[in-house]
N, C-alpha and C. Protein backbone atom coordinates (compact mmCIF):
# COMPACT_ATOMS: atom_id res chain seq x y z
N UNK A 1 126.32 110.43 78.85
CA UNK A 1 126.40 109.70 80.03
C UNK A 1 126.23 110.67 81.23
N UNK A 2 126.80 112.03 81.23
CA UNK A 2 126.63 112.89 82.26
C UNK A 2 125.32 112.82 82.63
N UNK A 3 124.22 112.76 82.14
CA UNK A 3 122.78 112.74 82.76
C UNK A 3 122.61 111.58 83.38
N UNK A 4 123.27 110.30 82.91
CA UNK A 4 123.09 109.20 83.76
C UNK A 4 123.66 109.33 85.08
N UNK A 5 125.15 110.05 85.04
CA UNK A 5 125.73 110.44 86.07
C UNK A 5 124.96 110.91 87.57
N UNK A 6 124.13 112.09 86.91
CA UNK A 6 123.55 112.64 87.81
C UNK A 6 122.24 111.86 88.19
N UNK A 7 121.94 110.91 87.75
CA UNK A 7 120.81 110.00 88.13
C UNK A 7 121.24 108.78 88.96
N UNK A 8 122.43 108.67 88.94
CA UNK A 8 122.49 107.31 89.89
C UNK A 8 122.60 107.77 91.33
N UNK A 9 123.13 108.79 91.77
CA UNK A 9 122.73 109.38 93.12
C UNK A 9 121.16 109.27 93.58
N UNK A 10 120.54 109.94 92.66
CA UNK A 10 118.88 110.20 93.13
C UNK A 10 118.32 108.70 93.23
N UNK A 11 118.68 107.67 92.09
CA UNK A 11 118.25 106.36 92.47
C UNK A 11 118.77 105.60 93.31
N UNK A 12 120.02 105.86 93.76
CA UNK A 12 120.65 105.31 95.34
C UNK A 12 119.91 105.62 96.37
N UNK A 13 119.42 107.23 96.42
CA UNK A 13 118.75 107.82 97.35
C UNK A 13 117.34 107.16 97.61
N UNK A 14 116.70 106.89 96.34
CA UNK A 14 115.21 106.09 96.52
C UNK A 14 115.65 104.88 97.03
N UNK A 15 116.78 103.95 97.05
CA UNK A 15 116.85 102.65 97.20
C UNK A 15 117.03 102.69 98.91
N UNK A 16 117.59 103.47 99.02
CA UNK A 16 118.29 103.79 100.51
C UNK A 16 117.16 104.02 101.61
N UNK A 17 116.41 104.83 100.95
CA UNK A 17 114.94 105.57 101.59
C UNK A 17 114.26 104.36 101.97
N UNK A 18 114.07 103.52 100.93
CA UNK A 18 113.01 102.33 101.27
C UNK A 18 113.62 101.61 102.18
N UNK A 19 114.88 101.32 102.44
CA UNK A 19 115.21 100.52 103.45
C UNK A 19 115.22 101.29 104.92
N UNK A 20 115.43 102.54 104.87
CA UNK A 20 115.05 103.44 106.01
C UNK A 20 113.94 103.46 106.51
N UNK A 21 112.89 103.50 105.33
CA UNK A 21 111.50 103.56 105.71
C UNK A 21 111.23 102.46 106.44
N UNK A 22 111.46 101.25 106.20
CA UNK A 22 111.19 100.05 106.63
C UNK A 22 111.93 99.83 108.07
N UNK A 23 113.16 100.52 107.86
CA UNK A 23 113.87 100.43 109.21
C UNK A 23 113.07 101.22 110.38
N UNK A 24 112.96 102.57 109.94
CA UNK A 24 112.10 103.16 110.87
C UNK A 24 110.75 102.81 111.35
N UNK A 25 109.74 102.48 110.33
CA UNK A 25 108.47 102.61 110.54
C UNK A 25 107.91 100.92 110.09
N UNK A 26 108.61 100.13 109.79
CA UNK A 26 107.82 98.94 109.78
C UNK A 26 107.59 97.97 110.74
N UNK A 27 107.99 98.13 111.63
CA UNK A 27 107.69 97.46 112.89
C UNK A 27 106.55 98.01 113.51
N UNK A 28 105.98 98.99 112.76
CA UNK A 28 104.75 99.63 113.33
C UNK A 28 103.50 98.70 112.93
N UNK A 29 103.60 97.72 112.02
CA UNK A 29 102.79 96.73 111.57
C UNK A 29 102.78 95.55 112.75
N UNK A 30 103.80 95.45 113.77
CA UNK A 30 104.04 94.37 114.37
C UNK A 30 104.34 94.93 116.05
N UNK A 31 103.09 95.50 116.43
CA UNK A 31 103.43 96.47 117.54
C UNK A 31 103.72 95.38 118.69
N UNK A 32 103.20 94.07 118.86
CA UNK A 32 103.20 93.44 119.97
C UNK A 32 104.64 92.54 120.22
N UNK A 33 105.48 92.85 118.89
CA UNK A 33 106.82 92.19 118.93
C UNK A 33 107.75 93.16 120.15
N UNK A 34 108.62 92.40 120.81
CA UNK A 34 109.70 92.80 121.84
C UNK A 34 110.39 94.07 121.13
N UNK A 35 110.64 95.12 121.99
CA UNK A 35 111.08 95.95 121.86
C UNK A 35 112.65 96.03 121.46
N UNK A 36 113.39 95.23 122.20
CA UNK A 36 115.09 94.95 121.61
C UNK A 36 115.09 94.30 120.50
N UNK A 37 113.99 93.29 120.37
CA UNK A 37 114.07 92.57 118.74
C UNK A 37 114.05 93.41 117.66
N UNK A 38 112.90 94.57 117.90
CA UNK A 38 112.59 95.38 116.91
C UNK A 38 113.89 96.28 116.43
N UNK A 39 114.44 96.61 117.63
CA UNK A 39 115.56 97.71 117.45
C UNK A 39 116.98 97.03 116.89
N UNK A 40 117.02 95.78 117.38
CA UNK A 40 118.12 95.04 116.36
C UNK A 40 117.86 94.80 114.99
N UNK A 41 116.37 94.55 114.88
CA UNK A 41 115.76 94.15 113.37
C UNK A 41 116.41 95.50 112.62
N UNK A 42 115.63 96.61 113.10
CA UNK A 42 115.54 97.90 112.40
C UNK A 42 117.30 98.47 112.11
N UNK A 43 117.94 98.18 113.19
CA UNK A 43 119.37 98.63 112.98
C UNK A 43 119.96 97.67 111.78
N UNK A 44 119.74 96.40 111.78
CA UNK A 44 120.16 95.76 110.48
C UNK A 44 119.70 95.69 109.07
N UNK A 45 118.52 96.66 109.28
CA UNK A 45 117.92 96.88 107.81
C UNK A 45 118.49 98.42 107.76
N UNK A 46 118.91 99.11 108.72
CA UNK A 46 119.51 100.48 108.24
C UNK A 46 120.90 100.34 107.93
N UNK A 47 121.31 99.16 108.11
CA UNK A 47 122.95 99.05 107.82
C UNK A 47 123.02 98.93 106.24
N UNK A 48 121.78 98.35 105.57
CA UNK A 48 121.82 98.18 103.92
C UNK A 48 121.09 99.61 103.29
N UNK A 49 120.77 100.60 104.35
CA UNK A 49 120.50 101.79 103.89
C UNK A 49 121.57 102.58 103.61
N UNK A 50 122.37 102.50 104.78
CA UNK A 50 123.84 103.12 104.93
C UNK A 50 124.83 102.98 103.50
N UNK A 51 124.52 101.61 103.21
CA UNK A 51 125.44 101.12 102.25
C UNK A 51 125.09 101.80 100.93
N UNK A 52 123.78 102.44 100.85
CA UNK A 52 123.61 102.86 99.45
C UNK A 52 123.34 104.51 99.81
N UNK A 53 123.20 105.20 101.26
CA UNK A 53 123.24 106.57 100.97
C UNK A 53 124.57 107.16 101.01
N UNK A 54 125.60 106.32 101.73
CA UNK A 54 126.56 106.81 101.78
C UNK A 54 127.29 106.67 100.33
N UNK A 55 127.48 106.17 99.31
CA UNK A 55 127.79 106.07 97.98
C UNK A 55 127.17 107.01 97.01
N UNK A 56 125.65 107.33 97.53
CA UNK A 56 124.71 108.22 96.82
C UNK A 56 125.26 109.70 97.05
N UNK A 57 125.60 109.99 98.13
CA UNK A 57 126.23 111.37 98.70
C UNK A 57 127.53 111.67 98.22
N UNK A 58 128.20 110.64 98.18
CA UNK A 58 130.12 110.43 97.79
C UNK A 58 129.69 110.90 96.15
N UNK A 59 128.88 110.16 95.18
CA UNK A 59 128.66 110.23 93.86
C UNK A 59 128.01 111.50 93.43
N UNK A 60 126.78 111.97 94.27
CA UNK A 60 126.19 112.88 94.17
C UNK A 60 126.89 114.60 93.95
N UNK A 61 127.84 114.31 95.10
CA UNK A 61 128.69 115.23 95.64
C UNK A 61 129.54 115.90 94.33
N UNK A 62 129.72 114.95 93.26
CA UNK A 62 130.42 115.56 92.10
C UNK A 62 129.41 116.34 91.20
N UNK A 63 127.99 116.49 91.54
CA UNK A 63 127.31 117.23 90.89
C UNK A 63 126.31 118.20 91.52
N UNK A 64 125.86 117.93 93.01
CA UNK A 64 125.09 118.78 93.75
C UNK A 64 125.99 119.23 94.85
N UNK A 65 125.37 120.11 95.57
CA UNK A 65 126.02 120.75 96.56
C UNK A 65 125.30 119.83 97.80
N UNK A 66 126.08 120.03 99.07
CA UNK A 66 125.43 119.11 100.47
C UNK A 66 123.93 119.60 100.46
N UNK A 67 123.66 121.05 100.58
CA UNK A 67 122.50 121.22 100.62
C UNK A 67 121.33 120.74 99.86
N UNK A 68 121.69 120.72 98.43
CA UNK A 68 120.62 120.28 97.46
C UNK A 68 120.62 118.80 97.58
N UNK A 69 121.82 117.87 98.15
CA UNK A 69 121.82 116.51 98.19
C UNK A 69 120.60 116.38 99.16
N UNK A 70 120.88 117.04 100.55
CA UNK A 70 119.91 117.12 101.64
C UNK A 70 118.51 117.31 101.31
N UNK A 71 118.03 118.57 100.43
CA UNK A 71 116.87 118.72 99.99
C UNK A 71 116.35 117.64 99.14
N UNK A 72 116.90 117.05 98.25
CA UNK A 72 116.58 116.15 97.40
C UNK A 72 116.04 114.89 98.47
N UNK A 73 117.05 114.54 99.37
CA UNK A 73 116.75 113.53 100.38
C UNK A 73 115.48 113.62 100.84
N UNK A 74 115.00 114.39 101.25
CA UNK A 74 114.02 114.87 102.26
C UNK A 74 112.72 114.65 101.24
N UNK A 75 112.94 115.39 100.21
CA UNK A 75 111.71 115.03 99.15
C UNK A 75 111.55 113.57 98.96
N UNK A 76 112.34 112.68 98.44
CA UNK A 76 112.44 111.69 98.38
C UNK A 76 111.98 110.74 99.20
N UNK A 77 112.39 110.88 100.65
CA UNK A 77 111.80 110.47 102.08
C UNK A 77 110.43 110.49 102.23
N UNK A 78 109.76 111.54 101.67
CA UNK A 78 108.54 111.84 101.97
C UNK A 78 107.90 111.28 100.85
N UNK A 79 108.03 110.88 99.69
CA UNK A 79 107.58 110.17 98.57
C UNK A 79 107.68 108.75 98.68
N UNK A 80 108.81 108.49 99.15
CA UNK A 80 108.88 106.96 99.58
C UNK A 80 107.70 106.59 100.83
N UNK A 81 107.83 107.65 101.75
CA UNK A 81 106.95 107.30 102.97
C UNK A 81 105.59 107.32 102.83
N UNK A 82 105.38 108.09 101.61
CA UNK A 82 103.74 108.43 101.55
C UNK A 82 103.14 107.00 100.77
N UNK A 83 104.25 106.53 100.05
CA UNK A 83 103.75 105.24 99.47
C UNK A 83 103.80 104.02 100.60
N UNK A 84 104.84 103.62 101.41
CA UNK A 84 105.02 103.02 102.25
C UNK A 84 103.79 103.04 103.46
N UNK A 85 103.27 104.23 103.66
CA UNK A 85 102.16 104.38 104.84
C UNK A 85 101.10 103.97 104.34
N UNK A 86 100.35 104.25 102.98
CA UNK A 86 99.52 103.88 102.28
C UNK A 86 99.54 102.17 102.17
N UNK A 87 100.45 101.77 101.44
CA UNK A 87 100.66 100.35 100.93
C UNK A 87 100.78 99.67 102.24
N UNK A 88 101.69 99.63 102.87
CA UNK A 88 102.25 98.50 103.90
C UNK A 88 101.70 98.95 105.15
N UNK A 89 101.57 100.12 105.69
CA UNK A 89 100.78 100.31 107.06
C UNK A 89 99.37 100.66 106.87
N UNK A 90 98.66 100.55 105.81
CA UNK A 90 97.33 100.68 105.70
C UNK A 90 96.71 102.29 105.95
N UNK A 91 97.63 103.23 105.98
CA UNK A 91 97.23 104.70 106.28
C UNK A 91 97.61 105.61 105.28
N UNK A 92 96.76 105.75 104.24
CA UNK A 92 96.87 106.98 103.42
C UNK A 92 97.13 108.04 103.87
N UNK A 93 97.44 109.03 103.10
CA UNK A 93 97.63 110.32 103.72
C UNK A 93 96.49 111.24 103.46
N UNK A 94 96.51 111.88 104.35
CA UNK A 94 95.09 113.08 104.26
C UNK A 94 95.70 114.11 103.29
N UNK A 95 94.63 115.22 103.38
CA UNK A 95 95.04 116.36 102.69
C UNK A 95 96.07 116.93 103.14
N UNK A 96 96.10 117.19 104.34
CA UNK A 96 96.96 118.34 105.35
C UNK A 96 98.31 117.78 105.11
N UNK A 97 98.70 116.56 105.08
CA UNK A 97 99.74 115.76 104.80
C UNK A 97 100.46 116.09 103.85
N UNK A 98 99.65 115.98 102.40
CA UNK A 98 100.10 116.45 101.51
C UNK A 98 100.44 117.64 101.26
N UNK A 99 99.75 118.59 101.89
CA UNK A 99 99.91 119.95 101.85
C UNK A 99 101.23 120.14 102.72
N UNK A 100 101.25 119.52 103.72
CA UNK A 100 102.60 119.69 104.47
C UNK A 100 103.84 119.40 103.75
N UNK A 101 103.69 118.05 102.99
CA UNK A 101 104.78 117.56 102.20
C UNK A 101 104.90 118.49 100.97
N UNK A 102 104.03 119.14 100.50
CA UNK A 102 104.32 119.96 99.57
C UNK A 102 104.89 121.26 99.75
N UNK A 103 104.94 121.66 100.90
CA UNK A 103 105.55 122.87 101.35
C UNK A 103 107.01 122.75 101.43
N UNK A 104 107.33 121.20 102.01
CA UNK A 104 108.63 121.02 102.16
C UNK A 104 109.26 120.80 100.64
N UNK A 105 108.21 120.25 99.81
CA UNK A 105 108.90 119.97 98.48
C UNK A 105 109.22 121.52 97.82
N UNK A 106 108.53 122.34 97.96
CA UNK A 106 108.99 123.68 97.77
C UNK A 106 110.08 124.43 98.61
N UNK A 107 110.39 124.04 99.59
CA UNK A 107 111.73 124.39 100.29
C UNK A 107 112.52 123.73 99.64
N UNK A 108 112.96 122.46 99.15
CA UNK A 108 113.68 121.88 98.63
C UNK A 108 114.03 122.27 97.19
N UNK A 109 112.75 122.64 96.54
CA UNK A 109 113.05 123.09 94.94
C UNK A 109 113.77 124.65 95.13
N UNK A 110 113.38 125.50 96.58
CA UNK A 110 114.27 127.02 96.72
C UNK A 110 115.82 126.38 96.77
N UNK A 111 116.02 125.51 97.17
CA UNK A 111 117.38 125.08 97.38
C UNK A 111 118.04 124.92 96.34
N UNK A 112 117.64 124.43 94.93
CA UNK A 112 118.35 124.25 93.80
C UNK A 112 118.24 125.38 92.99
N UNK A 113 117.59 126.77 93.40
CA UNK A 113 117.88 127.88 92.88
C UNK A 113 119.13 128.46 92.90
N UNK A 114 119.95 129.02 91.59
CA UNK A 114 120.97 129.81 92.04
C UNK A 114 121.10 130.93 92.26
């Protein structure tokens, strides 16, 4: 069961990042929508992100340090965004995007070294 306990925060982080990515970038598909409505819709979507992110960090703090949680969250954010950008926005990442994201992933890996 301890392995699953370590996995729950990761799964919650993935789910929360899906909501946050839609909140931050989903409106780019509808650029003609009025900005005040977009802000309210994004805020509403972000509420669900917080409902997942806060428990993810609370549960994760039992196994991971705050810097480790943040590093993990950044890598998850980039992976979710990469899929979202290609699938939803129709803007697949180019080699330089992947290279930059790879460097961020290496930085996150360094955070986990003792």
